[in-house]
Each structure stands twice: as structure tokens, then as C-alpha cells.
């Protein structure tokens, strides 16, 4: 029997597997796909995540980018340059996710990829996961199988709090400039933005609609095609990948009997930027800490005990340390995407704005510290 079975080998599941295995616990990591596998994602990663591991991520980073260029409706450009230590990581998710999995395996984690979880059974003091390779037992479960994964439903999380958003992207492989630049456009995509994230061998060009319901009112493909054309990319020749995004929408329990939700299964995506990798890794880290503590609790509780304070603490940590941030992010998103022209003029074009947002992205500033001032500025602009 394993100490913990983790379903889903994305950033959250792989992170949890790494830290639990490093602590000496027996971990089984399941994923329905054969690794490495493609994952639709812009692939922008905060360098903050390096603080949560003790290995070098360099092999998994496609390029590091210091230049950022913004446009509004593909005009009125403005550029900013970041300090070297805050250069943004650009990754391809098949390589990045698999790299963390490989580090977990080096710590002793067992990987069953190409293995689908078909159902789960609560056996009191452990869980049985019925898989395409047969049944397997674990004392605890981490559900990290993504926003649309079945684990949350099987565990009884029928009322997760999230706002449904949508994104569409293409990843053309072609030569990129020697000095890569991250591009954003605000205004062409209603209630969201467009991006062009460079990689060593091409781009990730896409767009997202991040206000719930707005994605049903517009065509994502046309703005993405127009934006791609600005970089001499014929979008009709590149395969597109659309996917839903479950954006954090308030405090919620993320634990149940001997199990927790992590990553996009826990709806941790940022309402303002739609950033998902850093919060998923953070939730995987905190889930691993909670499971490790719960395993210790097991050693000091009678077999019939059902409560694990560490799992309840995990919900509390995610709701306070991450959820409070997302409360401010949600307010900022509501204002910016409702008045993009004003946001661009009064916010994006301010010389300090890029570095401020990068500091938020790197965990050096909180949304609460900066969003209140930004909201005040934008609110004054709306009333003037």
C-alpha cells in the first residue's frame, strides 16, 4: 500500500510527488497520458517557483525573457525591460511537467503513466483507486487531474467555486529573434487579452476570455488569427487548441476524508492573468505538506479516527495565502476588462506598471498591496 496516490502528473501532482517522496513517503503518481504529453498552455512561468525546489530548472526552460511589449488593438505600442533576476521563464509544458516528474522519480516516486483512474473506493483508512492497470491502494489521495478531471466529482466536490473562462492557442514552430520578447495585446480580445510567448523554436500565440460568460459572446479564433498575422504567422496552417479555464471564485473546502484537491482541480487559476502554473505548484507543495502531516497524525490516532487536522489546514492555507490574493485579482480583472482602453492608458502605459506586475508574478508584492491603488486610479478615470 502506498502512503499517497496522486492522480494527475501536471505541475501540482508532480510537485506533490517530489516533496512527499523526498520526505521518505511511498508515492504513486498516475496519469492517463503517456509522458511527456502535450498540454495547451502559454507556458509563462514565474521564477519564484525555483524557491520551492532544491534542483535546477534550467533544462526545462526554453528561454528566459526580459523584454515585454504591449499594444492596444495592435497599435500604440509600449515596451519595458525587466531586471535579469526577474526574467520570465518560457516553457513547453510537455517538457516542463515531465521534468518535475523525473525529479520526483529520482526521489523514489513510482510513475504509472498511460494509466487511467477509472473509479475510487473509500475503504475507511485508505482509498482504493481502480485503474486501467488494476486496483491500487493508498492511505491518502491527491486529486490533481485538472479542471475537468473526474476525481473531484468522485470525491464528492460537486459544488466547486469557479468562474468558467476559455482560451485558444496555437504553437507554430519557426525561427524567433535572438532577443526574445513577450507580447501582449489588450483590447482586441474582449474581456481578456492576447499573447505571444516566445520559445527557443517558435511561439505560443493565443488569447483568453477571462470573465465568465463573455466567451460565449465572441469568436476566439478570429482575434487569435489577426494577432498571429501581425507576426507573419498564418494561423490557418497551425493546429489550434481550445480549452476551458476554471478560475478561482472564492473560499472553498479543498479537503475531504483522506483526500485533497490540488492544481486546476482546485480551481486555483488567477482571475486577472489566468496564470495557472505557479498556483498549481504552490497548491502541490502545500498539499504535500498537509499529507505528510496527516501521515504523522495517523501514527498518533486510533484506527477509527476520521479527522485529519492537517487536511483542514490545507484548505485554510489555500483560502488565505492564495484565496485572499485572488480576491484582489478578481476585483482588478473586473475593472480592467470592463474598461480596457482606460486600463491601457492609465495603467499599462505607466513606466512602473510592468515591474510592479512582475513583482506580483514573482511573489514579491501582493495583489492587495498594488490593486487598491490601481483600482483607485482606474475608478477616477471612469468618473472623469
Protein backbone atom coordinates (compact mmCIF):
# COMPACT_ATOMS: atom_id res chain seq x y z
CA UNK A 1 0.00 0.00 0.00
CA UNK A 2 1.23 3.46 -0.86
CA UNK A 3 1.27 6.35 1.58
CA UNK A 4 -0.25 8.58 -1.08
CA UNK A 5 -1.68 8.12 -4.56
CA UNK A 6 -1.59 11.22 -6.73
CA UNK A 7 -3.84 11.31 -9.77
CA UNK A 8 -2.52 13.74 -12.38
CA UNK A 9 1.12 14.38 -13.30
CA UNK A 10 0.89 18.08 -14.11
CA UNK A 11 2.73 20.74 -12.08
CA UNK A 12 0.60 20.21 -8.95
CA UNK A 13 0.75 16.42 -8.91
CA UNK A 14 4.42 16.26 -9.86
CA UNK A 15 5.31 18.82 -7.19
CA UNK A 16 3.44 16.89 -4.51
CA UNK A 17 5.08 13.65 -5.63
CA UNK A 18 8.53 15.22 -5.46
CA UNK A 19 8.18 16.64 -1.97
CA UNK A 20 6.43 13.63 -0.46
CA UNK A 21 8.96 11.23 -1.95
CA UNK A 22 11.85 13.40 -0.80
CA UNK A 23 10.41 13.20 2.73
CA UNK A 24 10.61 9.41 2.54
CA UNK A 25 6.99 8.56 1.77
CA UNK A 26 5.85 5.91 -0.69
CA UNK A 27 4.12 7.70 -3.56
CA UNK A 28 2.34 6.51 -6.69
CA UNK A 29 1.83 9.11 -9.42
CA UNK A 30 -0.83 8.26 -12.03
CA UNK A 31 -1.52 9.96 -15.32
CA UNK A 32 -3.87 8.90 -18.09
CA UNK A 33 -1.47 10.10 -20.79
CA UNK A 34 1.88 8.69 -21.73
CA UNK A 35 4.57 11.18 -20.70
CA UNK A 36 5.73 13.55 -21.99
CA UNK A 37 2.37 14.77 -23.24
CA UNK A 38 1.20 17.98 -24.90
CA UNK A 39 -0.69 20.46 -22.73
CA UNK A 40 -2.32 23.61 -24.17
CA UNK A 41 -0.74 26.48 -22.24
CA UNK A 42 1.03 29.75 -22.93
CA UNK A 43 3.92 28.44 -20.89
CA UNK A 44 4.89 31.54 -18.90
CA UNK A 45 6.38 30.58 -15.53
CA UNK A 46 7.34 32.76 -12.58
CA UNK A 47 10.97 32.34 -11.45
CA UNK A 48 9.52 32.26 -7.93
CA UNK A 49 8.88 28.53 -8.31
CA UNK A 50 12.63 27.87 -8.05
CA UNK A 51 12.38 28.76 -4.34
CA UNK A 52 10.14 25.75 -3.73
CA UNK A 53 12.59 23.14 -5.03
CA UNK A 54 16.22 22.21 -4.50
CA UNK A 55 17.10 21.40 -8.11
CA UNK A 56 17.99 23.48 -11.16
CA UNK A 57 15.15 24.09 -13.62
CA UNK A 58 17.45 25.19 -16.45
CA UNK A 59 16.98 22.02 -18.54
CA UNK A 60 13.20 22.64 -18.58
CA UNK A 61 13.30 26.34 -19.52
CA UNK A 62 13.02 27.05 -23.24
CA UNK A 63 14.04 30.72 -22.99
CA UNK A 64 14.24 33.46 -20.37
CA UNK A 65 12.71 36.76 -21.46
CA UNK A 66 13.46 40.25 -20.22
CA UNK A 67 11.59 42.37 -22.78
CA UNK A 68 7.83 42.91 -22.72
CA UNK A 69 5.87 44.69 -25.46
CA UNK A 70 2.24 45.80 -25.15
CA UNK A 71 -0.25 47.05 -27.72
CA UNK A 72 -3.83 48.18 -27.60
CA UNK A 73 -5.84 46.84 -30.54
CA UNK A 74 -2.44 46.10 -32.14
CA UNK A 75 -1.41 49.77 -32.01
CA UNK A 76 0.00 52.32 -29.53
CA UNK A 77 2.93 50.06 -28.56
CA UNK A 78 4.96 50.37 -25.40
CA UNK A 79 7.97 48.32 -24.30
CA UNK A 80 9.54 47.57 -20.94
CA UNK A 81 12.68 45.74 -19.85
CA UNK A 82 12.99 43.58 -16.76
CA UNK A 83 15.98 43.10 -14.48
CA UNK A 84 17.92 39.93 -15.26
CA UNK A 85 16.92 38.27 -11.99
CA UNK A 86 13.24 38.73 -12.85
CA UNK A 87 13.42 37.37 -16.37
CA UNK A 88 10.28 35.38 -17.16
CA UNK A 89 10.60 31.68 -17.91
CA UNK A 90 9.04 30.42 -21.11
CA UNK A 91 8.48 26.66 -21.17
CA UNK A 92 6.83 23.98 -23.23
CA UNK A 93 4.53 22.11 -20.91
CA UNK A 94 5.34 18.63 -22.18
CA UNK A 95 8.99 19.19 -21.26
CA UNK A 96 8.41 21.20 -18.08
CA UNK A 97 5.85 18.89 -16.49
CA UNK A 98 7.82 15.77 -17.36
CA UNK A 99 10.99 17.30 -15.93
CA UNK A 100 9.39 17.71 -12.49
CA UNK A 101 8.02 14.17 -12.71
CA UNK A 102 11.52 12.88 -13.43
CA UNK A 103 12.85 14.68 -10.35
CA UNK A 104 10.11 13.01 -8.29
CA UNK A 105 11.11 9.63 -9.70
CA UNK A 106 14.71 10.27 -8.67
CA UNK A 107 13.40 10.73 -5.12
CA UNK A 108 11.67 7.35 -5.28
CA UNK A 109 8.19 8.15 -6.60
CA UNK A 110 6.56 5.44 -8.72
CA UNK A 111 5.05 6.60 -12.01
CA UNK A 112 2.22 4.85 -13.82
CA UNK A 113 1.71 6.94 -16.94
CA UNK A 114 -0.65 5.84 -19.65
CA UNK A 115 -2.83 4.65 -16.77
CA UNK A 116 -6.37 5.90 -16.39
CA UNK A 117 -8.07 6.15 -13.00
CA UNK A 118 -11.47 4.56 -13.61
CA UNK A 119 -13.08 4.84 -10.16
CA UNK A 120 -12.25 5.16 -6.47
CA UNK A 121 -13.48 3.34 -3.37
CA UNK A 122 -13.39 4.63 0.20
CA UNK A 123 -12.12 1.78 2.36
CA UNK A 124 -12.16 3.69 5.65
CA UNK A 125 -8.48 4.01 6.48
CA UNK A 126 -7.35 4.01 2.87
CA UNK A 127 -8.53 4.62 -0.68
CA UNK A 128 -8.61 2.13 -3.49
CA UNK A 129 -8.12 3.54 -6.98
CA UNK A 130 -9.30 1.26 -9.74
CA UNK A 131 -7.10 1.87 -12.77
CA UNK A 132 -6.60 0.50 -16.26
CA UNK A 133 -3.70 -1.46 -14.76
CA UNK A 134 -5.83 -2.81 -11.92
CA UNK A 135 -6.67 -1.69 -8.38
CA UNK A 136 -4.14 0.02 -6.12
CA UNK A 137 -4.42 1.26 -2.52
CA UNK A 138 -3.16 4.39 -0.82
CA UNK A 139 -3.61 5.82 2.66
CA UNK A 140 -4.26 9.28 1.19
CA UNK A 141 -5.23 10.75 -2.17
CA UNK A 142 -4.30 13.93 -4.01
CA UNK A 143 -6.64 14.75 -6.90
CA UNK A 144 -4.58 16.76 -9.39
CA UNK A 145 -6.19 15.62 -12.62
CA UNK A 146 -7.12 19.06 -13.92
CA UNK A 147 -10.20 21.24 -14.08
CA UNK A 148 -12.27 18.67 -15.98
CA UNK A 149 -10.89 15.58 -14.25
CA UNK A 150 -13.26 13.09 -12.66
CA UNK A 151 -11.57 12.89 -9.26
CA UNK A 152 -13.26 15.94 -7.73
CA UNK A 153 -16.70 14.57 -8.57
CA UNK A 154 -15.82 11.10 -7.30
CA UNK A 155 -14.63 12.61 -4.02
CA UNK A 156 -17.91 14.48 -3.57
CA UNK A 157 -16.83 18.00 -4.57
CA UNK A 158 -19.99 18.74 -6.51
CA UNK A 159 -20.05 22.49 -5.83
CA UNK A 160 -16.55 23.77 -6.52
CA UNK A 161 -16.44 27.55 -6.74
CA UNK A 162 -15.07 28.80 -10.04
CA UNK A 163 -15.77 31.07 -12.96
CA UNK A 164 -15.59 29.40 -16.34
CA UNK A 165 -13.25 31.09 -18.80
CA UNK A 166 -11.81 29.98 -22.14
CA UNK A 167 -8.58 30.15 -24.11
CA UNK A 168 -7.42 29.28 -27.61
CA UNK A 169 -3.81 28.90 -28.69
CA UNK A 170 -1.52 27.71 -31.45
CA UNK A 171 2.17 26.84 -31.26
CA UNK A 172 3.88 27.44 -34.62
CA UNK A 173 7.44 26.18 -34.83
CA UNK A 174 9.65 28.73 -36.57
CA UNK A 175 12.72 30.87 -36.07
CA UNK A 176 12.43 33.55 -33.37
CA UNK A 177 14.55 36.69 -32.83
CA UNK A 178 17.83 36.35 -30.97
CA UNK A 179 16.48 38.57 -28.20
CA UNK A 180 13.03 37.16 -27.40
CA UNK A 181 10.13 39.43 -26.45
CA UNK A 182 6.88 38.68 -24.66
CA UNK A 183 3.94 40.35 -26.41
CA UNK A 184 0.52 41.26 -25.02
CA UNK A 185 -2.46 42.96 -26.64
CA UNK A 186 -5.30 44.43 -24.64
CA UNK A 187 -8.48 45.46 -26.41
CA UNK A 188 -8.63 43.19 -29.44
CA UNK A 189 -10.00 40.35 -27.30
CA UNK A 190 -13.00 41.47 -25.28
CA UNK A 191 -12.89 40.65 -21.55
CA UNK A 192 -9.39 39.23 -21.85
CA UNK A 193 -6.14 39.62 -23.75
CA UNK A 194 -3.96 38.13 -26.47
CA UNK A 195 -0.39 36.93 -26.03
CA UNK A 196 2.65 35.82 -27.94
CA UNK A 197 5.10 33.91 -25.74
CA UNK A 198 8.40 33.04 -27.47
CA UNK A 199 10.11 29.71 -27.10
CA UNK A 200 13.52 28.59 -28.36
CA UNK A 201 11.94 27.14 -31.51
CA UNK A 202 8.72 29.07 -32.06
CA UNK A 203 5.84 30.85 -30.40
CA UNK A 204 2.79 30.22 -28.29
CA UNK A 205 0.19 32.59 -29.73
CA UNK A 206 -3.20 32.69 -28.12
CA UNK A 207 -5.96 34.57 -26.44
CA UNK A 208 -8.25 34.16 -23.49
CA UNK A 209 -11.59 35.46 -22.28
CA UNK A 210 -11.48 35.59 -18.51
CA UNK A 211 -14.85 36.99 -17.48
CA UNK A 212 -17.41 34.24 -17.02
CA UNK A 213 -19.98 34.11 -19.81
CA UNK A 214 -18.11 36.50 -22.10
CA UNK A 215 -16.54 33.65 -24.06
CA UNK A 216 -19.97 32.67 -25.34
CA UNK A 217 -20.43 36.10 -26.92
CA UNK A 218 -17.39 36.24 -29.17
CA UNK A 219 -15.33 34.18 -31.56
CA UNK A 220 -11.85 33.50 -30.16
CA UNK A 221 -10.42 32.20 -33.41
CA UNK A 222 -10.62 35.45 -35.39
CA UNK A 223 -8.72 37.65 -32.88
CA UNK A 224 -6.06 34.96 -32.48
CA UNK A 225 -5.69 34.72 -36.27
CA UNK A 226 -5.41 38.51 -36.61
CA UNK A 227 -2.82 38.65 -33.85
CA UNK A 228 -0.82 35.80 -35.36
CA UNK A 229 -0.78 37.61 -38.70
CA UNK A 230 0.97 40.54 -37.01
CA UNK A 231 3.92 38.16 -36.51
CA UNK A 232 3.76 36.82 -40.07
CA UNK A 233 2.12 33.60 -38.91
CA UNK A 234 -0.71 32.16 -40.98
CA UNK A 235 -2.97 30.77 -38.27
CA UNK A 236 -4.88 28.64 -40.77
CA UNK A 237 -1.79 26.45 -41.22
CA UNK A 238 -1.33 25.76 -37.50
CA UNK A 239 -3.39 23.49 -35.29
CA UNK A 240 -5.36 25.33 -32.62
CA UNK A 241 -6.15 24.07 -29.14
CA UNK A 242 -9.08 25.42 -27.18
CA UNK A 243 -9.60 24.68 -23.51
CA UNK A 244 -11.77 25.82 -20.60
CA UNK A 245 -10.23 27.53 -17.57
CA UNK A 246 -11.65 27.17 -14.07
CA UNK A 247 -10.82 30.48 -12.39
CA UNK A 248 -10.75 30.84 -8.60
CA UNK A 249 -14.02 32.34 -7.37
CA UNK A 250 -13.90 32.38 -3.61
CA UNK A 251 -13.17 30.42 -0.48
CA UNK A 252 -13.99 26.72 -0.51
CA UNK A 253 -13.07 23.45 1.14
CA UNK A 254 -10.40 21.57 -0.77
CA UNK A 255 -10.21 18.56 1.53
CA UNK A 256 -12.37 15.59 2.41
CA UNK A 257 -11.79 12.22 4.06
CA UNK A 258 -8.11 11.38 3.45
CA UNK A 259 -8.01 13.40 0.22
CA UNK A 260 -7.33 16.89 -1.11
CA UNK A 261 -7.70 18.72 -4.40
CA UNK A 262 -4.68 20.45 -5.94
CA UNK A 263 -3.83 22.38 -9.08
CA UNK A 264 -6.55 23.17 -11.58
CA UNK A 265 -8.75 20.54 -9.94
CA UNK A 266 -8.80 23.02 -7.03
CA UNK A 267 -9.65 25.91 -9.41
CA UNK A 268 -6.56 27.90 -8.45
CA UNK A 269 -6.18 29.88 -11.70
CA UNK A 270 -5.59 33.64 -11.31
CA UNK A 271 -8.72 35.65 -12.33
CA UNK A 272 -6.66 38.55 -13.68
CA UNK A 273 -3.79 36.97 -15.61
CA UNK A 274 -5.15 33.40 -15.95
CA UNK A 275 -1.81 32.23 -14.57
CA UNK A 276 -2.08 28.58 -13.64
CA UNK A 277 1.39 27.05 -13.34
CA UNK A 278 2.66 28.90 -10.26
CA UNK A 279 -0.56 28.48 -8.25
CA UNK A 280 -0.72 24.81 -9.23
CA UNK A 281 2.83 24.26 -8.00
CA UNK A 282 2.05 26.17 -4.80
CA UNK A 283 -1.00 24.02 -4.16
CA UNK A 284 1.02 20.86 -4.84
CA UNK A 285 3.64 21.99 -2.34
CA UNK A 286 1.04 22.74 0.33
CA UNK A 287 -0.84 19.51 -0.41
CA UNK A 288 2.39 17.54 0.10
CA UNK A 289 2.99 19.27 3.43
CA UNK A 290 -0.57 18.50 4.52
CA UNK A 291 -0.40 14.83 3.53
CA UNK A 292 2.99 14.43 5.26
CA UNK A 293 1.50 15.88 8.45
CA UNK A 294 -1.62 13.73 8.12
CA UNK A 295 0.56 10.62 7.85
CA UNK A 296 2.15 11.63 11.14
CA UNK A 297 -1.30 12.17 12.65
CA UNK A 298 -2.18 8.64 11.55
CA UNK A 299 0.60 7.32 13.77
CA UNK A 300 -0.87 9.04 16.84
CA UNK A 301 -4.60 8.45 16.31
CA UNK A 302 -6.75 5.35 16.78
CA UNK A 303 -7.53 3.48 13.54
CA UNK A 304 -11.17 4.58 13.58
CA UNK A 305 -10.30 8.28 13.66
CA UNK A 306 -11.71 10.08 10.64
CA UNK A 307 -10.46 13.62 11.09
CA UNK A 308 -7.11 14.92 9.95
CA UNK A 309 -6.47 18.48 11.05
CA UNK A 310 -3.64 18.81 8.55
CA UNK A 311 -6.05 18.38 5.63
CA UNK A 312 -8.39 21.02 7.04
CA UNK A 313 -5.36 23.26 7.50
CA UNK A 314 -4.56 22.79 3.81
CA UNK A 315 -7.95 24.22 2.84
CA UNK A 316 -7.38 27.12 5.22
CA UNK A 317 -3.90 27.83 3.85
CA UNK A 318 -5.10 27.84 0.26
CA UNK A 319 -8.04 30.05 1.12
CA UNK A 320 -5.93 32.58 2.99
CA UNK A 321 -2.49 32.58 1.37
CA UNK A 322 -3.82 32.14 -2.18
CA UNK A 323 -7.52 32.95 -1.97
CA UNK A 324 -7.06 36.37 -0.40
CA UNK A 325 -4.71 37.29 -3.23
CA UNK A 326 -7.29 36.11 -5.75
CA UNK A 327 -9.99 38.24 -4.17
CA UNK A 328 -7.99 41.32 -5.13
CA UNK A 329 -7.08 39.85 -8.52
CA UNK A 330 -10.76 39.32 -9.25
CA UNK A 331 -11.58 42.95 -8.45
CA UNK A 332 -8.78 44.18 -10.65
CA UNK A 333 -9.86 41.91 -13.51
CA UNK A 334 -13.42 43.16 -13.32
CA UNK A 335 -12.31 46.77 -13.71
CA UNK A 336 -9.55 46.29 -16.31
CA UNK A 337 -11.50 44.04 -18.67
CA UNK A 338 -14.59 46.23 -18.42
CA UNK A 339 -12.64 49.35 -19.43
CA UNK A 340 -9.57 48.15 -21.38
CA UNK A 341 -8.83 51.49 -23.10
CA UNK A 342 -8.68 53.29 -19.77
CA UNK A 343 -6.69 50.46 -18.21
CA UNK A 344 -4.16 50.66 -21.01
CA UNK A 345 -3.83 54.43 -20.82
CA UNK A 346 -3.83 54.81 -17.04
CA UNK A 347 -2.25 51.52 -16.05
CA UNK A 348 -0.24 49.61 -18.64
CA UNK A 349 1.48 52.72 -20.02
CA UNK A 350 2.71 53.85 -16.60
CA UNK A 351 6.51 53.29 -16.51
CA UNK A 352 6.35 51.37 -13.24
CA UNK A 353 3.45 49.07 -14.13
CA UNK A 354 5.38 46.22 -15.74
CA UNK A 355 7.89 45.86 -12.92
CA UNK A 356 5.07 46.08 -10.38
CA UNK A 357 3.14 43.25 -12.04
CA UNK A 358 6.30 41.16 -12.41
CA UNK A 359 6.89 41.57 -8.68
CA UNK A 360 3.37 40.26 -8.09
CA UNK A 361 4.06 37.41 -10.50
CA UNK A 362 7.28 36.64 -8.60
CA UNK A 363 5.61 36.74 -5.19
CA UNK A 364 7.46 39.88 -4.05
CA UNK A 365 4.33 42.02 -3.89
CA UNK A 366 0.79 41.01 -3.13
CA UNK A 367 -2.20 41.91 -5.25
CA UNK A 368 -3.60 43.61 -2.17
CA UNK A 369 -0.59 45.93 -1.99
CA UNK A 370 -0.94 47.13 -5.58
CA UNK A 371 -4.51 46.53 -6.66
CA UNK A 372 -6.06 49.04 -4.27
CA UNK A 373 -4.02 51.89 -5.80
CA UNK A 374 -4.68 50.66 -9.33
CA UNK A 375 -8.41 50.38 -8.70
CA UNK A 376 -8.47 53.91 -7.31
CA UNK A 377 -6.68 55.29 -10.39
CA UNK A 378 -8.95 53.44 -12.80
CA UNK A 379 -12.07 54.37 -10.87
CA UNK A 380 -11.13 58.07 -11.02
CA UNK A 381 -10.59 57.70 -14.76
CA UNK A 382 -14.01 56.14 -15.22
CA UNK A 383 -15.67 59.02 -13.39
CA UNK A 384 -13.74 61.78 -15.16
